[in-house]
Amino acid sequence: MQEQRLPIRGTILVPILLATALIATALIGTAWSQSFTAAMRGTVTDASGSSVPGAKVIATEADRNVPHHTTTDASGRYFLPALQPRQYNLTVEAAGFKKFAQRSFQLQVQQQATLDVKLEVGELSSTVTVEGSAPLLNTTIASLGQAIDNKYYDFVAKHWPRLSSSGVPHSGSSGVCWGTRCDQYEFCS
């Protein structure tokens, strides 16, 4: 009986197919991992710094009046994932405390905002309203991002034939520039 050997081409083909499948799976996973939402988290405490468990936290989309509800855990922490990037109002309520209201703050794409709340002792019918505050900080991930305003899209659409033939975009002294010199096709916000 003669021993049959597989042709060399067949033995090489299997690892190549497996490697191709592995790479395709990794690329699909990367494409699906792109996020077009934001998230908000924080800690609710009282005036002494003690956590307030069971507080009702509501982030409401300012323009559509759509509420997103959650409740703080035993450590006073809350988390609101998958929020659409837009303006929000935040309210926090807990028995024995004044209602907290943070008006009109912006969440951007992929922003992981942290907003800690300090409740004051008092009647729930009383409200402490915060009209302005420091920018929301991202203390959870170390990535940097930027929201792109429509004016950038309009500029690129209007000037695309000149931009595509003049090089790559780069940062200039007063804005975003295209071309070999920063004074060519300069866009200043």
Protein backbone atom coordinates (compact mmCIF):
# COMPACT_ATOMS: atom_id res chain seq x y z
CA MET A 1 0.00 0.00 0.00
CA GLN A 2 1.39 3.34 -1.01
CA GLU A 3 1.37 6.22 1.36
CA GLN A 4 -0.46 9.24 -0.04
CA ARG A 5 0.94 12.63 0.61
CA LEU A 6 -1.00 15.83 0.40
CA PRO A 7 0.34 18.25 -2.10
CA ILE A 8 2.33 21.11 -0.62
CA ARG A 9 -0.20 23.57 -1.94
CA GLY A 10 -2.98 22.01 0.21
CA THR A 11 -0.96 22.11 3.43
CA ILE A 12 -0.11 25.78 2.96
CA LEU A 13 -3.64 26.76 2.00
CA VAL A 14 -5.19 25.79 5.35
CA PRO A 15 -3.00 28.10 7.51
CA ILE A 16 -3.49 30.94 5.02
CA LEU A 17 -7.27 30.54 5.19
CA LEU A 18 -7.19 30.43 9.00
CA ALA A 19 -5.02 33.54 9.16
CA THR A 20 -7.33 35.36 6.73
CA ALA A 21 -10.37 34.42 8.81
CA LEU A 22 -8.65 35.60 12.00
CA ILE A 23 -7.70 38.95 10.47
CA ALA A 24 -11.22 39.45 9.05
CA THR A 25 -12.73 38.74 12.47
CA ALA A 26 -10.39 41.26 14.12
CA LEU A 27 -11.24 43.95 11.56
CA ILE A 28 -14.98 43.41 11.91
CA GLY A 29 -14.65 43.68 15.70
CA THR A 30 -12.75 46.93 15.34
CA ALA A 31 -15.40 48.38 13.03
CA TRP A 32 -18.19 47.44 15.43
CA SER A 33 -16.33 48.93 18.40
CA GLN A 34 -16.78 52.46 17.08
CA SER A 35 -19.16 54.36 19.34
CA PHE A 36 -21.36 57.27 18.39
CA THR A 37 -22.76 57.85 21.87
CA ALA A 38 -21.64 59.42 25.13
CA ALA A 39 -21.87 58.35 28.76
CA MET A 40 -22.16 60.11 32.08
CA ARG A 41 -21.17 58.96 35.55
CA GLY A 42 -20.63 60.43 38.94
CA THR A 43 -21.08 60.13 42.68
CA VAL A 44 -23.92 61.59 44.73
CA THR A 45 -22.88 62.71 48.22
CA ASP A 46 -24.31 64.78 51.07
CA ALA A 47 -22.73 67.91 52.57
CA SER A 48 -20.43 65.80 54.78
CA GLY A 49 -19.15 63.78 51.80
CA SER A 50 -21.06 60.59 52.68
CA SER A 51 -22.56 58.68 49.76
CA VAL A 52 -26.28 58.86 49.08
CA PRO A 53 -27.50 55.42 47.96
CA GLY A 54 -30.82 55.07 46.14
CA ALA A 55 -30.88 58.63 44.76
CA LYS A 56 -32.91 59.03 41.59
CA VAL A 57 -30.76 60.46 38.75
CA ILE A 58 -32.37 61.73 35.54
CA ALA A 59 -30.54 63.13 32.51
CA THR A 60 -33.07 64.77 30.19
CA GLU A 61 -32.33 65.67 26.58
CA ALA A 62 -32.89 69.43 26.58
CA ASP A 63 -34.23 69.76 23.04
CA ARG A 64 -36.44 66.63 22.94
CA ASN A 65 -37.37 66.33 26.64
CA VAL A 66 -36.45 62.60 26.66
CA PRO A 67 -35.47 61.38 30.15
CA HIS A 68 -32.78 58.76 30.91
CA HIS A 69 -33.22 57.31 34.43
CA THR A 70 -30.90 55.52 36.84
CA THR A 71 -30.48 55.09 40.59
CA THR A 72 -27.29 55.39 42.64
CA ASP A 73 -25.78 52.21 44.06
CA ALA A 74 -24.78 51.56 47.70
CA SER A 75 -21.69 53.76 47.22
CA GLY A 76 -23.68 56.65 45.72
CA ARG A 77 -22.37 56.04 42.19
CA TYR A 78 -24.47 56.34 39.04
CA PHE A 79 -23.83 55.54 35.38
CA LEU A 80 -25.83 56.56 32.32
CA PRO A 81 -24.46 54.81 29.19
CA ALA A 82 -25.41 55.21 25.52
CA LEU A 83 -26.55 58.84 25.64
CA GLN A 84 -26.96 60.68 22.36
CA PRO A 85 -24.50 63.57 21.94
CA ARG A 86 -26.55 66.70 22.67
CA GLN A 87 -27.58 69.17 25.40
CA TYR A 88 -28.82 67.68 28.71
CA ASN A 89 -30.33 68.76 32.01
CA LEU A 90 -29.52 66.64 35.08
CA THR A 91 -31.74 66.27 38.14
CA VAL A 92 -31.01 64.26 41.29
CA GLU A 93 -33.60 63.51 43.97
CA ALA A 94 -33.31 61.69 47.30
CA ALA A 95 -35.55 61.58 50.36
CA GLY A 96 -34.50 64.16 52.98
CA PHE A 97 -32.51 66.26 50.50
CA LYS A 98 -33.23 69.25 48.29
CA LYS A 99 -33.64 68.41 44.62
CA PHE A 100 -30.46 69.10 42.58
CA ALA A 101 -30.73 70.49 39.04
CA GLN A 102 -27.84 71.08 36.61
CA ARG A 103 -29.04 72.99 33.56
CA SER A 104 -27.85 72.75 29.97
CA PHE A 105 -24.56 70.94 29.52
CA GLN A 106 -23.29 69.43 26.27
CA LEU A 107 -22.21 65.80 25.78
CA GLN A 108 -20.03 65.07 22.74
CA VAL A 109 -19.51 61.84 20.77
CA GLN A 110 -17.59 59.24 22.82
CA GLN A 111 -17.38 61.58 25.82
CA GLN A 112 -17.23 59.84 29.20
CA ALA A 113 -18.33 62.75 31.38
CA THR A 114 -18.06 62.78 35.17
CA LEU A 115 -20.50 64.94 37.12
CA ASP A 116 -20.39 64.56 40.89
CA VAL A 117 -23.37 65.91 42.82
CA LYS A 118 -23.46 67.23 46.39
CA LEU A 119 -26.99 67.24 47.85
CA GLU A 120 -28.10 69.64 50.56
CA VAL A 121 -30.30 68.54 53.45
CA GLY A 122 -33.84 69.89 53.11
CA GLU A 123 -37.27 69.34 51.66
CA LEU A 124 -37.54 67.59 48.30
CA SER A 125 -39.82 70.42 47.17
CA SER A 126 -36.82 72.80 47.39
CA THR A 127 -34.47 72.79 44.43
CA VAL A 128 -30.81 73.74 44.21
CA THR A 129 -30.26 74.79 40.58
CA VAL A 130 -26.79 75.07 39.08
CA GLU A 131 -26.86 77.28 35.98
CA GLY A 132 -23.17 77.26 35.05
CA SER A 133 -20.27 75.02 35.92
CA ALA A 134 -16.80 73.91 34.94
CA PRO A 135 -16.56 71.74 31.81
CA LEU A 136 -17.42 68.08 32.32
CA LEU A 137 -14.24 66.08 32.75
CA ASN A 138 -13.40 62.67 31.37
CA THR A 139 -11.64 60.91 34.25
CA THR A 140 -12.33 57.36 33.07
CA ILE A 141 -10.45 56.89 29.78
CA ALA A 142 -7.24 58.40 28.45
CA SER A 143 -8.28 58.94 24.85
CA LEU A 144 -8.61 62.34 23.25
CA GLY A 145 -11.27 63.28 20.78
CA GLN A 146 -12.81 66.29 19.12
CA ALA A 147 -16.32 67.08 18.04
CA ILE A 148 -16.34 68.31 14.46
CA ASP A 149 -18.68 71.19 13.81
CA ASN A 150 -20.68 71.47 10.59
CA LYS A 151 -18.61 74.46 9.51
CA TYR A 152 -15.62 72.14 8.94
CA TYR A 153 -17.71 69.84 6.75
CA ASP A 154 -19.05 72.81 4.79
CA PHE A 155 -15.54 74.19 4.31
CA VAL A 156 -14.16 70.85 3.06
CA ALA A 157 -17.13 70.30 0.73
CA LYS A 158 -16.74 73.78 -0.75
CA HIS A 159 -12.96 73.57 -1.22
CA TRP A 160 -12.45 69.83 -1.86
CA PRO A 161 -11.00 70.06 -5.41
CA ARG A 162 -8.28 72.44 -4.22
CA LEU A 163 -7.69 70.62 -0.93
CA SER A 164 -7.28 67.17 -2.45
CA SER A 165 -4.55 68.38 -4.79
CA SER A 166 -2.67 70.55 -2.31
CA GLY A 167 -1.51 68.05 0.30
CA VAL A 168 -2.61 66.93 3.71
CA PRO A 169 -4.20 68.97 6.47
CA HIS A 170 -1.96 70.26 9.25
CA SER A 171 -2.25 72.58 12.22
CA GLY A 172 -1.39 76.18 11.66
CA SER A 173 -0.94 79.14 13.94
CA SER A 174 -4.55 80.24 13.61
CA GLY A 175 -6.53 77.17 12.61
CA VAL A 176 -6.59 74.20 10.30
CA CYS A 177 -4.61 74.61 7.09
CA TRP A 178 -4.15 72.69 3.85
CA GLY A 179 -1.33 73.01 1.42
CA THR A 180 2.38 73.60 1.60
CA ARG A 181 2.08 76.97 3.32
CA CYS A 182 -0.24 77.71 6.19
CA ASP A 183 -1.70 80.71 4.41
CA GLN A 184 -3.16 78.47 1.68
CA TYR A 185 -6.84 77.56 2.19
CA GLU A 186 -6.72 78.53 5.82
CA PHE A 187 -9.80 77.88 7.90
CA CYS A 188 -10.07 79.66 11.21
CA SER A 189 -12.83 78.93 13.65
